[in-house]
């Protein structure tokens, strides 16, 4: 049933990507969380809370925010050391709360990042995290935590391929690199989920990553705080530096994950 569910998710994101509109893509994937709940309740006859609707410690929640933030900071540091990025003027960066204008200071920019994180947290909780960590990763745990972590992460990355090739128009190489990086990022989110047993924790990780990635490096045609001559080098999701750092992080986190099989 995991494969059937995954195919449904791919069809939905592909349909949204064909519109060439990011907002429509977001709308197209809204049902995947509800479909996961429906599969859990009516197909598997399981409890909805077993998808990850559990409480976790404050320590785990703080860790879930610090891990992605640390990875982003490391990538920025490496980019800076190798001279791959430069800082743009805040006034040149699109401010979503001021039509056609940039930011007039640091705090409005920080506020925009925080708002972005909040909305991403809510969206991830009811869509991607519920789908790929709550449902898919949980159902694959009978293969063992480490195997299920890698497999669910590969599916998470592959699910992004339609958007990469159709919506972002990244080309074959760019799309493949992007999907690889998203798969490695999925290991990070999956690790947080396995350790916390909570969708809230991995959704916080997702929110922090997206808010920092999009605000600092940009997304699609929107540029962020940092700019450079080659996005395929410096970007955390679309660049080779991101691949190197995320590969190391994913391997470390996977090694810290138990090997034994778990009951789904």
Protein backbone atom coordinates (compact mmCIF):
# COMPACT_ATOMS: atom_id res chain seq x y z
CA UNK A 1 0.00 0.00 0.00
CA UNK A 2 2.99 2.31 0.49
CA UNK A 3 3.69 2.19 -3.25
CA UNK A 4 0.03 2.91 -4.09
CA UNK A 5 0.05 5.86 -1.73
CA UNK A 6 3.35 7.14 -3.15
CA UNK A 7 2.00 6.97 -6.71
CA UNK A 8 -1.03 9.03 -5.64
CA UNK A 9 1.32 11.64 -4.14
CA UNK A 10 3.39 11.76 -7.36
CA UNK A 11 0.30 12.21 -9.51
CA UNK A 12 -0.90 15.09 -7.35
CA UNK A 13 2.43 16.96 -7.37
CA UNK A 14 2.82 16.36 -11.11
CA UNK A 15 -0.64 17.79 -11.79
CA UNK A 16 0.24 20.88 -9.75
CA UNK A 17 3.65 21.27 -11.42
CA UNK A 18 2.08 21.23 -14.88
CA UNK A 19 0.35 24.51 -14.04
CA UNK A 20 3.81 26.15 -13.77
CA UNK A 21 2.53 27.98 -10.70
CA UNK A 22 4.11 27.36 -7.27
CA UNK A 23 0.91 28.29 -5.44
CA UNK A 24 -1.06 25.71 -7.41
CA UNK A 25 1.58 23.10 -6.59
CA UNK A 26 1.06 23.87 -2.91
CA UNK A 27 -2.69 23.46 -3.34
CA UNK A 28 -2.28 20.22 -5.28
CA UNK A 29 -0.39 18.51 -2.44
CA UNK A 30 -2.77 19.60 0.33
CA UNK A 31 -4.75 16.31 0.18
CA UNK A 32 -1.76 14.00 0.74
CA UNK A 33 -2.01 14.28 4.52
CA UNK A 34 -5.71 13.51 4.56
CA UNK A 35 -5.16 10.59 2.20
CA UNK A 36 -2.49 9.23 4.57
CA UNK A 37 -4.97 9.41 7.45
CA UNK A 38 -7.62 7.69 5.33
CA UNK A 39 -5.20 4.88 4.44
CA UNK A 40 -4.24 4.47 8.08
CA UNK A 41 -7.83 4.36 9.34
CA UNK A 42 -9.68 2.48 6.59
CA UNK A 43 -7.01 0.40 4.86
CA UNK A 44 -4.66 -0.49 7.70
CA UNK A 45 -7.34 -0.25 10.39
CA UNK A 46 -4.81 1.50 12.59
CA UNK A 47 -4.88 4.38 15.02
CA UNK A 48 -4.35 7.84 13.58
CA UNK A 49 -2.10 8.84 16.48
CA UNK A 50 0.32 6.09 15.43
CA UNK A 51 1.26 8.25 12.45
CA UNK A 52 3.24 10.46 14.81
CA UNK A 53 0.68 12.53 16.67
CA UNK A 54 2.63 12.19 19.90
CA UNK A 55 4.05 14.53 22.50
CA UNK A 56 7.81 14.88 22.77
CA UNK A 57 10.24 16.63 25.08
CA UNK A 58 11.23 20.28 24.84
CA UNK A 59 14.81 19.08 24.39
CA UNK A 60 13.83 17.15 21.26
CA UNK A 61 11.97 20.16 19.88
CA UNK A 62 14.98 22.41 20.40
CA UNK A 63 17.25 19.82 18.75
CA UNK A 64 14.85 19.57 15.82
CA UNK A 65 15.37 23.29 15.15
CA UNK A 66 19.12 23.36 15.82
CA UNK A 67 20.06 20.49 13.48
CA UNK A 68 18.83 22.05 10.20
CA UNK A 69 19.94 25.52 11.29
CA UNK A 70 23.46 24.20 11.98
CA UNK A 71 23.61 22.56 8.54
CA UNK A 72 22.59 25.80 6.83
CA UNK A 73 25.20 27.76 8.81
CA UNK A 74 27.89 25.23 7.85
CA UNK A 75 26.98 25.53 4.16
CA UNK A 76 27.09 29.34 4.40
CA UNK A 77 30.51 29.14 6.05
CA UNK A 78 31.91 26.88 3.33
CA UNK A 79 30.38 29.06 0.60
CA UNK A 80 31.95 32.13 2.18
CA UNK A 81 35.40 30.53 2.60
CA UNK A 82 35.47 29.57 -1.08
CA UNK A 83 34.09 32.93 -2.17
CA UNK A 84 30.97 31.43 -3.73
CA UNK A 85 28.49 33.92 -2.28
CA UNK A 86 28.12 37.59 -1.55
CA UNK A 87 25.56 39.38 0.59
CA UNK A 88 22.91 41.39 -1.19
CA UNK A 89 21.44 44.63 0.12
CA UNK A 90 18.24 43.97 2.07
CA UNK A 91 16.50 46.65 0.04
CA UNK A 92 17.04 44.48 -3.07
CA UNK A 93 15.31 41.44 -1.58
CA UNK A 94 11.61 40.93 -2.23
CA UNK A 95 9.56 41.64 0.89
CA UNK A 96 6.32 39.60 0.77
CA UNK A 97 4.69 42.06 3.19
CA UNK A 98 5.50 45.15 1.12
CA UNK A 99 4.26 45.08 -2.45
CA UNK A 100 7.08 45.71 -4.91
CA UNK A 101 9.56 46.84 -2.25
CA UNK A 102 12.52 45.36 -0.42
CA UNK A 103 13.30 45.20 3.30
CA UNK A 104 14.11 48.45 5.10
CA UNK A 105 16.08 46.80 7.88
CA UNK A 106 17.27 43.62 9.56
CA UNK A 107 14.29 43.12 11.86
CA UNK A 108 11.65 43.16 9.09
CA UNK A 109 13.75 40.50 7.35
CA UNK A 110 13.98 38.42 10.54
CA UNK A 111 10.22 38.80 10.99
CA UNK A 112 9.62 37.54 7.44
CA UNK A 113 11.84 34.50 8.11
CA UNK A 114 9.91 33.75 11.32
CA UNK A 115 6.55 34.03 9.55
CA UNK A 116 7.81 31.81 6.76
CA UNK A 117 8.87 29.21 9.34
CA UNK A 118 5.47 29.31 11.03
CA UNK A 119 3.51 28.80 7.82
CA UNK A 120 5.90 26.10 6.64
CA UNK A 121 5.53 24.30 9.95
CA UNK A 122 1.76 24.14 9.57
CA UNK A 123 1.95 23.15 5.91
CA UNK A 124 4.61 20.46 6.47
CA UNK A 125 2.75 19.03 9.44
CA UNK A 126 -0.40 18.33 7.43
CA UNK A 127 1.24 17.42 4.13
CA UNK A 128 4.85 16.31 3.54
CA UNK A 129 5.78 15.27 7.08
CA UNK A 130 2.50 13.48 7.67
CA UNK A 131 2.91 11.75 4.30
CA UNK A 132 6.59 10.79 4.22
CA UNK A 133 7.50 10.48 7.88
CA UNK A 134 4.14 9.82 9.54
CA UNK A 135 2.81 7.34 6.99
CA UNK A 136 5.55 6.05 4.66
CA UNK A 137 8.43 5.88 7.15
CA UNK A 138 6.20 4.37 9.81
CA UNK A 139 4.89 1.69 7.45
CA UNK A 140 8.39 0.81 6.28
CA UNK A 141 9.79 0.39 9.80
CA UNK A 142 9.26 -3.36 9.64
CA UNK A 143 12.37 -3.30 7.39
CA UNK A 144 14.39 -1.79 10.22
CA UNK A 145 14.83 1.84 11.17
CA UNK A 146 17.95 2.45 9.10
CA UNK A 147 16.58 0.86 5.93
CA UNK A 148 13.22 2.54 6.31
CA UNK A 149 14.97 5.86 6.90
CA UNK A 150 16.92 5.60 3.64
CA UNK A 151 14.05 4.21 1.58
CA UNK A 152 11.49 6.75 2.74
CA UNK A 153 14.03 9.52 2.13
CA UNK A 154 14.68 8.32 -1.43
CA UNK A 155 10.93 8.35 -2.07
CA UNK A 156 10.75 11.84 -0.57
CA UNK A 157 13.43 13.04 -2.97
CA UNK A 158 11.90 11.29 -5.99
CA UNK A 159 8.56 12.91 -5.18
CA UNK A 160 10.19 16.30 -5.80
CA UNK A 161 11.34 15.38 -9.30
CA UNK A 162 8.19 16.59 -11.16
CA UNK A 163 8.50 20.03 -9.56
CA UNK A 164 12.24 20.17 -10.32
CA UNK A 165 11.93 19.26 -13.98
CA UNK A 166 8.57 20.88 -14.79
CA UNK A 167 8.07 23.79 -12.39
CA UNK A 168 11.64 24.94 -11.66
CA UNK A 169 12.92 23.80 -15.09
CA UNK A 170 16.28 22.80 -13.61
CA UNK A 171 17.20 20.46 -16.45
CA UNK A 172 18.31 16.84 -16.10
CA UNK A 173 21.51 17.50 -14.14
CA UNK A 174 20.04 20.22 -11.95
CA UNK A 175 16.91 18.19 -11.21
CA UNK A 176 18.93 15.09 -10.36
CA UNK A 177 21.17 17.07 -8.01
CA UNK A 178 18.14 18.70 -6.41
CA UNK A 179 16.37 15.34 -5.90
CA UNK A 180 19.56 13.86 -4.41
CA UNK A 181 19.86 16.74 -1.95
CA UNK A 182 16.19 16.52 -0.99
CA UNK A 183 16.63 12.78 -0.39
CA UNK A 184 19.58 13.49 1.92
CA UNK A 185 17.52 16.17 3.63
CA UNK A 186 14.79 13.57 4.10
CA UNK A 187 17.26 11.54 6.17
CA UNK A 188 17.61 14.53 8.50
CA UNK A 189 13.84 14.93 8.88
CA UNK A 190 13.37 11.17 9.23
CA UNK A 191 16.04 10.93 11.91
CA UNK A 192 14.33 13.65 13.93
CA UNK A 193 11.03 11.79 13.55
CA UNK A 194 12.45 8.44 14.66
CA UNK A 195 14.15 9.96 17.68
CA UNK A 196 11.21 12.10 18.79
CA UNK A 197 8.36 9.88 17.53
CA UNK A 198 6.62 13.17 16.81
CA UNK A 199 5.43 14.87 13.63
CA UNK A 200 5.72 18.19 15.44
CA UNK A 201 9.48 17.77 15.83
CA UNK A 202 10.23 16.86 12.20
CA UNK A 203 7.84 19.58 11.02
CA UNK A 204 9.87 22.09 13.04
CA UNK A 205 13.03 20.83 11.30
CA UNK A 206 11.29 21.19 7.93
CA UNK A 207 10.07 24.69 8.79
CA UNK A 208 13.47 25.93 9.95
CA UNK A 209 15.21 24.50 6.89
CA UNK A 210 12.73 25.93 4.36
CA UNK A 211 12.53 29.34 6.01
CA UNK A 212 16.32 29.71 6.09
CA UNK A 213 16.89 28.16 2.65
CA UNK A 214 14.29 30.30 0.89
CA UNK A 215 15.09 33.53 2.75
CA UNK A 216 18.88 33.26 2.56
CA UNK A 217 19.35 31.50 -0.79
CA UNK A 218 16.04 32.06 -2.58
CA UNK A 219 13.69 29.73 -4.40
CA UNK A 220 12.57 29.62 -8.01
CA UNK A 221 12.86 33.12 -9.50
CA UNK A 222 13.07 34.79 -6.08
CA UNK A 223 16.57 35.55 -4.80
CA UNK A 224 17.55 35.52 -1.14
CA UNK A 225 20.10 37.33 1.02
CA UNK A 226 23.03 35.52 -0.61
CA UNK A 227 23.84 35.57 -4.29
CA UNK A 228 26.57 33.99 -6.37
CA UNK A 229 27.64 33.26 -9.90
CA UNK A 230 26.74 29.57 -9.79
CA UNK A 231 23.68 28.32 -7.95
CA UNK A 232 24.65 24.76 -8.84
CA UNK A 233 27.64 25.23 -6.53
CA UNK A 234 26.56 27.27 -3.50
CA UNK A 235 22.88 26.45 -2.92
CA UNK A 236 21.95 24.01 -0.09
CA UNK A 237 19.23 22.29 -2.16
CA UNK A 238 20.35 22.87 -5.73
CA UNK A 239 24.14 22.99 -5.27
CA UNK A 240 27.13 20.68 -4.91
CA UNK A 241 28.20 22.21 -1.58
CA UNK A 242 24.78 21.23 -0.27
CA UNK A 243 25.31 17.70 -1.58
CA UNK A 244 28.66 17.32 0.18
CA UNK A 245 27.45 18.67 3.52
CA UNK A 246 24.10 16.87 3.46
CA UNK A 247 25.80 13.57 2.52
CA UNK A 248 28.05 13.76 5.56
CA UNK A 249 25.16 14.76 7.83
CA UNK A 250 22.91 12.00 6.44
CA UNK A 251 25.59 9.33 6.92
CA UNK A 252 26.27 10.42 10.50
CA UNK A 253 22.57 10.48 11.38
CA UNK A 254 21.93 7.12 9.66
CA UNK A 255 24.78 5.54 11.63
CA UNK A 256 23.16 6.81 14.82
CA UNK A 257 19.91 5.12 13.83
CA UNK A 258 19.12 1.60 15.03
CA UNK A 259 19.37 -1.22 12.50
CA UNK A 260 16.84 -3.70 13.91
CA UNK A 261 13.36 -4.21 12.49
CA UNK A 262 10.40 -2.54 14.16
CA UNK A 263 6.73 -3.37 14.06
CA UNK A 264 4.66 -0.94 12.00
